[in-house]
Amino acid sequence: MKANWKEIQSSVIGARAYQWGYVRVLIEQHNSPYGWHLSISRPDHYPSWDEIKLARYDLLPANITMALIFPPPEEYVNIHPNCFHLHQMPNES
């Protein structure tokens, strides 16, 4: 599968936004231990594993390790019902 990402206007200052069909991605780089952050969503259902994988490898540097992290419940924030967040693992490139 090959994605045809189109950059779109981001609603988040400092982040870049992309769309491929119904899939939307926001990417930003933080000055924190987690560095890169990718959020991926669809309006109709959760993104598929293949959509998540394509976004990660197409839109982020290849030499970093990304993870889906479940923080403590009191720190969990997700304002979109069909969104996943990937974060760069600390101490990686």
PDB file of N, CA and C in Angstrom:
ATOM      1  N   MET A   1       0.846  -1.178   0.000  1.00  0.00           N
ATOM      2  CA  MET A   1       0.000   0.000   0.000  1.00  0.00           C
ATOM      3  C   MET A   1       0.890   1.240   0.000  1.00  0.00           C
ATOM      4  N   LYS A   2       0.507   2.233  -0.769  1.00  0.00           N
ATOM      5  CA  LYS A   2       1.247   3.487  -0.853  1.00  0.00           C
ATOM      6  C   LYS A   2       0.291   4.625  -0.547  1.00  0.00           C
ATOM      7  N   ALA A   3       0.654   5.475   0.393  1.00  0.00           N
ATOM      8  CA  ALA A   3      -0.179   6.613   0.770  1.00  0.00           C
ATOM      9  C   ALA A   3       0.178   7.828  -0.075  1.00  0.00           C
ATOM     10  N   ASN A   4      -0.822   8.629  -0.369  1.00  0.00           N
ATOM     11  CA  ASN A   4      -0.620   9.880  -1.102  1.00  0.00           C
ATOM     12  C   ASN A   4      -0.942  11.028  -0.145  1.00  0.00           C
ATOM     13  N   TRP A   5      -0.002  11.324   0.756  1.00  0.00           N
ATOM     14  CA  TRP A   5      -0.213  12.350   1.769  1.00  0.00           C
ATOM     15  C   TRP A   5      -0.237  13.728   1.146  1.00  0.00           C
ATOM     16  N   LYS A   6      -1.189  14.542   1.572  1.00  0.00           N
ATOM     17  CA  LYS A   6      -1.262  15.940   1.161  1.00  0.00           C
ATOM     18  C   LYS A   6      -1.162  16.787   2.429  1.00  0.00           C
ATOM     19  N   GLU A   7      -0.252  17.756   2.418  1.00  0.00           N
ATOM     20  CA  GLU A   7      -0.150  18.634   3.586  1.00  0.00           C
ATOM     21  C   GLU A   7      -1.346  19.580   3.589  1.00  0.00           C
ATOM     22  N   ILE A   8      -1.966  19.720   4.748  1.00  0.00           N
ATOM     23  CA  ILE A   8      -3.122  20.596   4.915  1.00  0.00           C
ATOM     24  C   ILE A   8      -2.830  21.579   6.043  1.00  0.00           C
ATOM     25  N   GLN A   9      -3.696  22.561   6.199  1.00  0.00           N
ATOM     26  CA  GLN A   9      -3.493  23.538   7.265  1.00  0.00           C
ATOM     27  C   GLN A   9      -3.696  22.882   8.624  1.00  0.00           C
ATOM     28  N   SER A  10      -2.773  23.134   9.509  1.00  0.00           N
ATOM     29  CA  SER A  10      -2.825  22.564  10.853  1.00  0.00           C
ATOM     30  C   SER A  10      -3.642  23.461  11.778  1.00  0.00           C
ATOM     31  N   SER A  11      -4.403  22.835  12.654  1.00  0.00           N
ATOM     32  CA  SER A  11      -5.155  23.574  13.670  1.00  0.00           C
ATOM     33  C   SER A  11      -4.336  23.761  14.945  1.00  0.00           C
ATOM     34  N   VAL A  12      -3.127  23.206  14.958  1.00  0.00           N
ATOM     35  CA  VAL A  12      -2.258  23.285  16.125  1.00  0.00           C
ATOM     36  C   VAL A  12      -1.001  24.069  15.752  1.00  0.00           C
ATOM     37  N   ILE A  13      -0.740  25.144  16.455  1.00  0.00           N
ATOM     38  CA  ILE A  13       0.436  25.969  16.181  1.00  0.00           C
ATOM     39  C   ILE A  13       1.698  25.141  16.357  1.00  0.00           C
ATOM     40  N   GLY A  14       2.584  25.192  15.378  1.00  0.00           N
ATOM     41  CA  GLY A  14       3.843  24.469  15.443  1.00  0.00           C
ATOM     42  C   GLY A  14       3.769  23.041  14.938  1.00  0.00           C
ATOM     43  N   ALA A  15       2.587  22.569  14.599  1.00  0.00           N
ATOM     44  CA  ALA A  15       2.431  21.194  14.102  1.00  0.00           C
ATOM     45  C   ALA A  15       2.178  21.220  12.594  1.00  0.00           C
ATOM     46  N   ARG A  16       2.550  20.140  11.949  1.00  0.00           N
ATOM     47  CA  ARG A  16       2.242  19.970  10.529  1.00  0.00           C
ATOM     48  C   ARG A  16       1.095  18.981  10.426  1.00  0.00           C
ATOM     49  N   ALA A  17       0.216  19.200   9.461  1.00  0.00           N
ATOM     50  CA  ALA A  17      -0.958  18.349   9.292  1.00  0.00           C
ATOM     51  C   ALA A  17      -0.962  17.752   7.885  1.00  0.00           C
ATOM     52  N   TYR A  18      -1.404  16.498   7.813  1.00  0.00           N
ATOM     53  CA  TYR A  18      -1.463  15.777   6.543  1.00  0.00           C
ATOM     54  C   TYR A  18      -2.781  15.023   6.456  1.00  0.00           C
ATOM     55  N   GLN A  19      -3.214  14.804   5.217  1.00  0.00           N
ATOM     56  CA  GLN A  19      -4.424  14.021   4.998  1.00  0.00           C
ATOM     57  C   GLN A  19      -4.193  13.072   3.837  1.00  0.00           C
ATOM     58  N   TRP A  20      -4.761  11.878   3.983  1.00  0.00           N
ATOM     59  CA  TRP A  20      -4.765  10.862   2.935  1.00  0.00           C
ATOM     60  C   TRP A  20      -6.143  10.215   2.997  1.00  0.00           C
ATOM     61  N   GLY A  21      -6.999  10.534   2.049  1.00  0.00           N
ATOM     62  CA  GLY A  21      -8.380  10.062   2.131  1.00  0.00           C
ATOM     63  C   GLY A  21      -9.015  10.606   3.394  1.00  0.00           C
ATOM     64  N   TYR A  22      -9.557   9.708   4.229  1.00  0.00           N
ATOM     65  CA  TYR A  22     -10.173  10.119   5.491  1.00  0.00           C
ATOM     66  C   TYR A  22      -9.183  10.183   6.652  1.00  0.00           C
ATOM     67  N   VAL A  23      -7.965   9.744   6.433  1.00  0.00           N
ATOM     68  CA  VAL A  23      -6.963   9.714   7.502  1.00  0.00           C
ATOM     69  C   VAL A  23      -6.338  11.103   7.647  1.00  0.00           C
ATOM     70  N   ARG A  24      -6.296  11.574   8.886  1.00  0.00           N
ATOM     71  CA  ARG A  24      -5.641  12.845   9.188  1.00  0.00           C
ATOM     72  C   ARG A  24      -4.544  12.615  10.217  1.00  0.00           C
ATOM     73  N   VAL A  25      -3.437  13.318  10.024  1.00  0.00           N
ATOM     74  CA  VAL A  25      -2.273  13.171  10.896  1.00  0.00           C
ATOM     75  C   VAL A  25      -1.766  14.547  11.298  1.00  0.00           C
ATOM     76  N   LEU A  26      -1.440  14.698  12.565  1.00  0.00           N
ATOM     77  CA  LEU A  26      -0.729  15.871  13.069  1.00  0.00           C
ATOM     78  C   LEU A  26       0.622  15.401  13.572  1.00  0.00           C
ATOM     79  N   ILE A  27       1.659  16.152  13.239  1.00  0.00           N
ATOM     80  CA  ILE A  27       3.021  15.817  13.670  1.00  0.00           C
ATOM     81  C   ILE A  27       3.644  17.053  14.285  1.00  0.00           C
ATOM     82  N   GLU A  28       4.268  16.845  15.442  1.00  0.00           N
ATOM     83  CA  GLU A  28       4.998  17.932  16.070  1.00  0.00           C
ATOM     84  C   GLU A  28       6.204  17.367  16.811  1.00  0.00           C
ATOM     85  N   GLN A  29       7.180  18.238  17.015  1.00  0.00           N
ATOM     86  CA  GLN A  29       8.379  17.828  17.740  1.00  0.00           C
ATOM     87  C   GLN A  29       8.476  18.676  18.990  1.00  0.00           C
ATOM     88  N   HIS A  30       8.481  18.019  20.150  1.00  0.00           N
ATOM     89  CA  HIS A  30       8.508  18.700  21.440  1.00  0.00           C
ATOM     90  C   HIS A  30       9.927  18.739  21.992  1.00  0.00           C
ATOM     91  N   ASN A  31      10.184  19.721  22.812  1.00  0.00           N
ATOM     92  CA  ASN A  31      11.439  19.775  23.576  1.00  0.00           C
ATOM     93  C   ASN A  31      11.190  19.083  24.905  1.00  0.00           C
ATOM     94  N   SER A  32      11.039  17.780  24.846  1.00  0.00           N
ATOM     95  CA  SER A  32      10.777  16.966  26.033  1.00  0.00           C
ATOM     96  C   SER A  32      11.436  15.613  25.804  1.00  0.00           C
ATOM     97  N   PRO A  33      11.409  14.740  26.794  1.00  0.00           N
ATOM     98  CA  PRO A  33      12.015  13.418  26.586  1.00  0.00           C
ATOM     99  C   PRO A  33      11.358  12.642  25.444  1.00  0.00           C
ATOM    100  N   TYR A  34      10.120  12.997  25.094  1.00  0.00           N
ATOM    101  CA  TYR A  34       9.426  12.229  24.063  1.00  0.00           C
ATOM    102  C   TYR A  34       9.598  12.783  22.655  1.00  0.00           C
ATOM    103  N   GLY A  35      10.155  13.947  22.479  1.00  0.00           N
ATOM    104  CA  GLY A  35      10.476  14.464  21.150  1.00  0.00           C
ATOM    105  C   GLY A  35       9.292  14.475  20.200  1.00  0.00           C
ATOM    106  N   TRP A  36       9.334  13.597  19.205  1.00  0.00           N
ATOM    107  CA  TRP A  36       8.298  13.557  18.173  1.00  0.00           C
ATOM    108  C   TRP A  36       6.980  13.019  18.714  1.00  0.00           C
ATOM    109  N   HIS A  37       5.892  13.606  18.219  1.00  0.00           N
ATOM    110  CA  HIS A  37       4.529  13.170  18.550  1.00  0.00           C
ATOM    111  C   HIS A  37       3.732  13.115  17.254  1.00  0.00           C
ATOM    112  N   LEU A  38       3.016  12.031  17.058  1.00  0.00           N
ATOM    113  CA  LEU A  38       2.158  11.858  15.891  1.00  0.00           C
ATOM    114  C   LEU A  38       0.767  11.484  16.385  1.00  0.00           C
ATOM    115  N   SER A  39      -0.237  12.223  15.955  1.00  0.00           N
ATOM    116  CA  SER A  39      -1.614  11.818  16.236  1.00  0.00           C
ATOM    117  C   SER A  39      -2.271  11.500  14.899  1.00  0.00           C
ATOM    118  N   ILE A  40      -3.031  10.425  14.874  1.00  0.00           N
ATOM    119  CA  ILE A  40      -3.661   9.948  13.647  1.00  0.00           C
ATOM    120  C   ILE A  40      -5.121   9.627  13.941  1.00  0.00           C
ATOM    121  N   SER A  41      -6.008  10.077  13.060  1.00  0.00           N
ATOM    122  CA  SER A  41      -7.434   9.862  13.289  1.00  0.00           C
ATOM    123  C   SER A  41      -8.182   9.702  11.976  1.00  0.00           C
ATOM    124  N   ARG A  42      -9.384   9.188  12.110  1.00  0.00           N
ATOM    125  CA  ARG A  42     -10.366   9.091  11.036  1.00  0.00           C
ATOM    126  C   ARG A  42     -11.702   9.538  11.611  1.00  0.00           C
ATOM    127  N   PRO A  43     -12.588  10.108  10.802  1.00  0.00           N
ATOM    128  CA  PRO A  43     -13.882  10.539  11.333  1.00  0.00           C
ATOM    129  C   PRO A  43     -14.851   9.383  11.566  1.00  0.00           C
ATOM    130  N   ASP A  44     -14.633   8.251  10.881  1.00  0.00           N
ATOM    131  CA  ASP A  44     -15.625   7.173  10.872  1.00  0.00           C
ATOM    132  C   ASP A  44     -15.271   5.971  11.744  1.00  0.00           C
ATOM    133  N   HIS A  45     -13.998   5.741  12.018  1.00  0.00           N
ATOM    134  CA  HIS A  45     -13.555   4.625  12.862  1.00  0.00           C
ATOM    135  C   HIS A  45     -12.081   4.802  13.178  1.00  0.00           C
ATOM    136  N   TYR A  46     -11.565   3.927  14.049  1.00  0.00           N
ATOM    137  CA  TYR A  46     -10.138   3.988  14.361  1.00  0.00           C
ATOM    138  C   TYR A  46      -9.297   3.762  13.113  1.00  0.00           C
ATOM    139  N   PRO A  47      -8.138   4.431  13.006  1.00  0.00           N
ATOM    140  CA  PRO A  47      -7.223   4.130  11.903  1.00  0.00           C
ATOM    141  C   PRO A  47      -6.772   2.670  11.983  1.00  0.00           C
ATOM    142  N   SER A  48      -6.550   2.069  10.836  1.00  0.00           N
ATOM    143  CA  SER A  48      -6.067   0.685  10.791  1.00  0.00           C
ATOM    144  C   SER A  48      -4.579   0.640  11.126  1.00  0.00           C
ATOM    145  N   TRP A  49      -4.117  -0.572  11.427  1.00  0.00           N
ATOM    146  CA  TRP A  49      -2.692  -0.752  11.695  1.00  0.00           C
ATOM    147  C   TRP A  49      -1.862  -0.308  10.491  1.00  0.00           C
ATOM    148  N   ASP A  50      -2.294  -0.659   9.280  1.00  0.00           N
ATOM    149  CA  ASP A  50      -1.551  -0.267   8.078  1.00  0.00           C
ATOM    150  C   ASP A  50      -1.519   1.253   7.911  1.00  0.00           C
ATOM    151  N   GLU A  51      -2.608   1.939   8.222  1.00  0.00           N
ATOM    152  CA  GLU A  51      -2.624   3.403   8.130  1.00  0.00           C
ATOM    153  C   GLU A  51      -1.667   4.015   9.148  1.00  0.00           C
ATOM    154  N   ILE A  52      -1.654   3.485  10.366  1.00  0.00           N
ATOM    155  CA  ILE A  52      -0.741   3.977  11.396  1.00  0.00           C
ATOM    156  C   ILE A  52       0.705   3.751  10.964  1.00  0.00           C
ATOM    157  N   LYS A  53       0.983   2.554  10.476  1.00  0.00           N
ATOM    158  CA  LYS A  53       2.347   2.209  10.052  1.00  0.00           C
ATOM    159  C   LYS A  53       2.808   3.108   8.899  1.00  0.00           C
ATOM    160  N   LEU A  54       1.955   3.324   7.918  1.00  0.00           N
ATOM    161  CA  LEU A  54       2.320   4.193   6.800  1.00  0.00           C
ATOM    162  C   LEU A  54       2.604   5.616   7.263  1.00  0.00           C
ATOM    163  N   ALA A  55       1.757   6.149   8.133  1.00  0.00           N
ATOM    164  CA  ALA A  55       1.968   7.511   8.631  1.00  0.00           C
ATOM    165  C   ALA A  55       3.298   7.609   9.365  1.00  0.00           C
ATOM    166  N   ARG A  56       3.574   6.653  10.230  1.00  0.00           N
ATOM    167  CA  ARG A  56       4.823   6.685  10.987  1.00  0.00           C
ATOM    168  C   ARG A  56       6.037   6.666  10.069  1.00  0.00           C
ATOM    169  N   TYR A  57       6.081   5.720   9.114  1.00  0.00           N
ATOM    170  CA  TYR A  57       7.264   5.569   8.265  1.00  0.00           C
ATOM    171  C   TYR A  57       7.329   6.584   7.127  1.00  0.00           C
ATOM    172  N   ASP A  58       6.202   7.104   6.698  1.00  0.00           N
ATOM    173  CA  ASP A  58       6.212   8.112   5.627  1.00  0.00           C
ATOM    174  C   ASP A  58       6.504   9.513   6.137  1.00  0.00           C
ATOM    175  N   LEU A  59       6.091   9.839   7.360  1.00  0.00           N
ATOM    176  CA  LEU A  59       6.092  11.229   7.801  1.00  0.00           C
ATOM    177  C   LEU A  59       7.076  11.563   8.918  1.00  0.00           C
ATOM    178  N   LEU A  60       7.740  10.561   9.478  1.00  0.00           N
ATOM    179  CA  LEU A  60       8.699  10.803  10.561  1.00  0.00           C
ATOM    180  C   LEU A  60      10.069  10.243  10.193  1.00  0.00           C
ATOM    181  N   PRO A  61      11.129  10.740  10.841  1.00  0.00           N
ATOM    182  CA  PRO A  61      12.465  10.215  10.560  1.00  0.00           C
ATOM    183  C   PRO A  61      12.530   8.703  10.810  1.00  0.00           C
ATOM    184  N   ALA A  62      13.273   8.008   9.977  1.00  0.00           N
ATOM    185  CA  ALA A  62      13.369   6.546  10.057  1.00  0.00           C
ATOM    186  C   ALA A  62      14.173   6.074  11.267  1.00  0.00           C
ATOM    187  N   ASN A  63      15.060   6.913  11.800  1.00  0.00           N
ATOM    188  CA  ASN A  63      15.992   6.466  12.837  1.00  0.00           C
ATOM    189  C   ASN A  63      15.478   6.659  14.263  1.00  0.00           C
ATOM    190  N   ILE A  64      14.164   6.831  14.437  1.00  0.00           N
ATOM    191  CA  ILE A  64      13.612   6.979  15.781  1.00  0.00           C
ATOM    192  C   ILE A  64      12.643   5.829  16.067  1.00  0.00           C
ATOM    193  N   THR A  65      12.412   5.575  17.357  1.00  0.00           N
ATOM    194  CA  THR A  65      11.468   4.541  17.774  1.00  0.00           C
ATOM    195  C   THR A  65      10.224   5.225  18.314  1.00  0.00           C
ATOM    196  N   MET A  66       9.082   4.862  17.766  1.00  0.00           N
ATOM    197  CA  MET A  66       7.807   5.428  18.186  1.00  0.00           C
ATOM    198  C   MET A  66       7.005   4.371  18.931  1.00  0.00           C
ATOM    199  N   ALA A  67       6.178   4.825  19.884  1.00  0.00           N
ATOM    200  CA  ALA A  67       5.362   3.897  20.672  1.00  0.00           C
ATOM    201  C   ALA A  67       3.994   4.505  20.943  1.00  0.00           C
ATOM    202  N   LEU A  68       3.030   3.626  21.107  1.00  0.00           N
ATOM    203  CA  LEU A  68       1.699   4.000  21.562  1.00  0.00           C
ATOM    204  C   LEU A  68       1.728   3.860  23.082  1.00  0.00           C
ATOM    205  N   ILE A  69       1.538   4.962  23.808  1.00  0.00           N
ATOM    206  CA  ILE A  69       1.734   4.983  25.250  1.00  0.00           C
ATOM    207  C   ILE A  69       0.393   5.178  25.959  1.00  0.00           C
ATOM    208  N   PHE A  70       0.167   4.387  26.996  1.00  0.00           N
ATOM    209  CA  PHE A  70      -1.003   4.567  27.845  1.00  0.00           C
ATOM    210  C   PHE A  70      -0.533   5.157  29.167  1.00  0.00           C
ATOM    211  N   PRO A  71      -0.744   6.468  29.364  1.00  0.00           N
ATOM    212  CA  PRO A  71      -0.312   7.099  30.613  1.00  0.00           C
ATOM    213  C   PRO A  71      -1.247   6.733  31.760  1.00  0.00           C
ATOM    214  N   PRO A  72      -0.906   7.161  32.978  1.00  0.00           N
ATOM    215  CA  PRO A  72      -1.845   6.969  34.087  1.00  0.00           C
ATOM    216  C   PRO A  72      -3.192   7.612  33.731  1.00  0.00           C
ATOM    217  N   PRO A  73      -4.295   7.060  34.224  1.00  0.00           N
ATOM    218  CA  PRO A  73      -5.628   7.557  33.845  1.00  0.00           C
ATOM    219  C   PRO A  73      -5.818   9.062  34.030  1.00  0.00           C
ATOM    220  N   GLU A  74      -5.252   9.627  35.072  1.00  0.00           N
ATOM    221  CA  GLU A  74      -5.435  11.060  35.319  1.00  0.00           C
ATOM    222  C   GLU A  74      -4.680  11.941  34.312  1.00  0.00           C
ATOM    223  N   GLU A  75      -3.758  11.357  33.552  1.00  0.00           N
ATOM    224  CA  GLU A  75      -3.007  12.102  32.540  1.00  0.00           C
ATOM    225  C   GLU A  75      -3.509  11.836  31.122  1.00  0.00           C
ATOM    226  N   TYR A  76      -4.449  10.917  30.994  1.00  0.00           N
ATOM    227  CA  TYR A  76      -4.946  10.533  29.676  1.00  0.00           C
ATOM    228  C   TYR A  76      -5.851  11.626  29.108  1.00  0.00           C
ATOM    229  N   VAL A  77      -5.522  12.109  27.910  1.00  0.00           N
ATOM    230  CA  VAL A  77      -6.318  13.124  27.224  1.00  0.00           C
ATOM    231  C   VAL A  77      -6.477  12.687  25.776  1.00  0.00           C
ATOM    232  N   ASN A  78      -7.714  12.701  25.296  1.00  0.00           N
ATOM    233  CA  ASN A  78      -7.972  12.392  23.897  1.00  0.00           C
ATOM    234  C   ASN A  78      -9.281  13.070  23.525  1.00  0.00           C
ATOM    235  N   ILE A  79      -9.187  14.180  22.796  1.00  0.00           N
ATOM    236  CA  ILE A  79     -10.388  14.944  22.486  1.00  0.00           C
ATOM    237  C   ILE A  79     -11.112  14.447  21.234  1.00  0.00           C
ATOM    238  N   HIS A  80     -10.500  13.550  20.494  1.00  0.00           N
ATOM    239  CA  HIS A  80     -11.127  12.983  19.294  1.00  0.00           C
ATOM    240  C   HIS A  80     -11.406  11.508  19.558  1.00  0.00           C
ATOM    241  N   PRO A  81     -12.606  11.018  19.294  1.00  0.00           N
ATOM    242  CA  PRO A  81     -12.952   9.633  19.656  1.00  0.00           C
ATOM    243  C   PRO A  81     -12.219   8.556  18.867  1.00  0.00           C
ATOM    244  N   ASN A  82     -11.697   8.863  17.692  1.00  0.00           N
ATOM    245  CA  ASN A  82     -11.037   7.850  16.852  1.00  0.00           C
ATOM    246  C   ASN A  82      -9.575   8.206  16.599  1.00  0.00           C
ATOM    247  N   CYS A  83      -8.869   8.574  17.644  1.00  0.00           N
ATOM    248  CA  CYS A  83      -7.503   9.070  17.497  1.00  0.00           C
ATOM    249  C   CYS A  83      -6.523   8.224  18.307  1.00  0.00           C
ATOM    250  N   PHE A  84      -5.360   7.970  17.708  1.00  0.00           N
ATOM    251  CA  PHE A  84      -4.251   7.331  18.412  1.00  0.00           C
ATOM    252  C   PHE A  84      -3.076   8.297  18.443  1.00  0.00           C
ATOM    253  N   HIS A  85      -2.274   8.200  19.489  1.00  0.00           N
ATOM    254  CA  HIS A  85      -1.097   9.060  19.640  1.00  0.00           C
ATOM    255  C   HIS A  85       0.148   8.190  19.740  1.00  0.00           C
ATOM    256  N   LEU A  86       1.134   8.506  18.916  1.00  0.00           N
ATOM    257  CA  LEU A  86       2.425   7.838  18.994  1.00  0.00           C
ATOM    258  C   LEU A  86       3.445   8.854  19.482  1.00  0.00           C
ATOM    259  N   HIS A  87       4.348   8.396  20.349  1.00  0.00           N
ATOM    260  CA  HIS A  87       5.379   9.264  20.907  1.00  0.00           C
ATOM    261  C   HIS A  87       6.740   8.635  20.703  1.00  0.00           C
ATOM    262  N   GLN A  88       7.732   9.494  20.474  1.00  0.00           N
ATOM    263  CA  GLN A  88       9.097   9.010  20.373  1.00  0.00           C
ATOM    264  C   GLN A  88       9.533   8.501  21.742  1.00  0.00           C
ATOM    265  N   MET A  89      10.180   7.369  21.741  1.00  0.00           N
ATOM    266  CA  MET A  89      10.685   6.801  22.995  1.00  0.00           C
ATOM    267  C   MET A  89      11.861   7.642  23.491  1.00  0.00           C
ATOM    268  N   PRO A  90      11.915   7.902  24.804  1.00  0.00           N
ATOM    269  CA  PRO A  90      13.031   8.678  25.351  1.00  0.00           C
ATOM    270  C   PRO A  90      14.374   8.017  25.052  1.00  0.00           C
ATOM    271  N   ASN A  91      15.389   8.861  24.963  1.00  0.00           N
ATOM    272  CA  ASN A  91      16.757   8.403  24.737  1.00  0.00           C
ATOM    273  C   ASN A  91      16.954   7.715  23.396  1.00  0.00           C
ATOM    274  N   GLU A  92      16.089   7.998  22.451  1.00  0.00           N
ATOM    275  CA  GLU A  92      16.260   7.487  21.089  1.00  0.00           C
ATOM    276  C   GLU A  92      16.701   8.659  20.223  1.00  0.00           C
ATOM    277  N   SER A  93      17.473   8.404  19.202  1.00  0.00           N
ATOM    278  CA  SER A  93      18.028   9.406  18.273  1.00  0.00           C
ATOM    279  C   SER A  93      17.477  10.758  18.478  1.00  0.00           C
TER     280      SER A  93
END
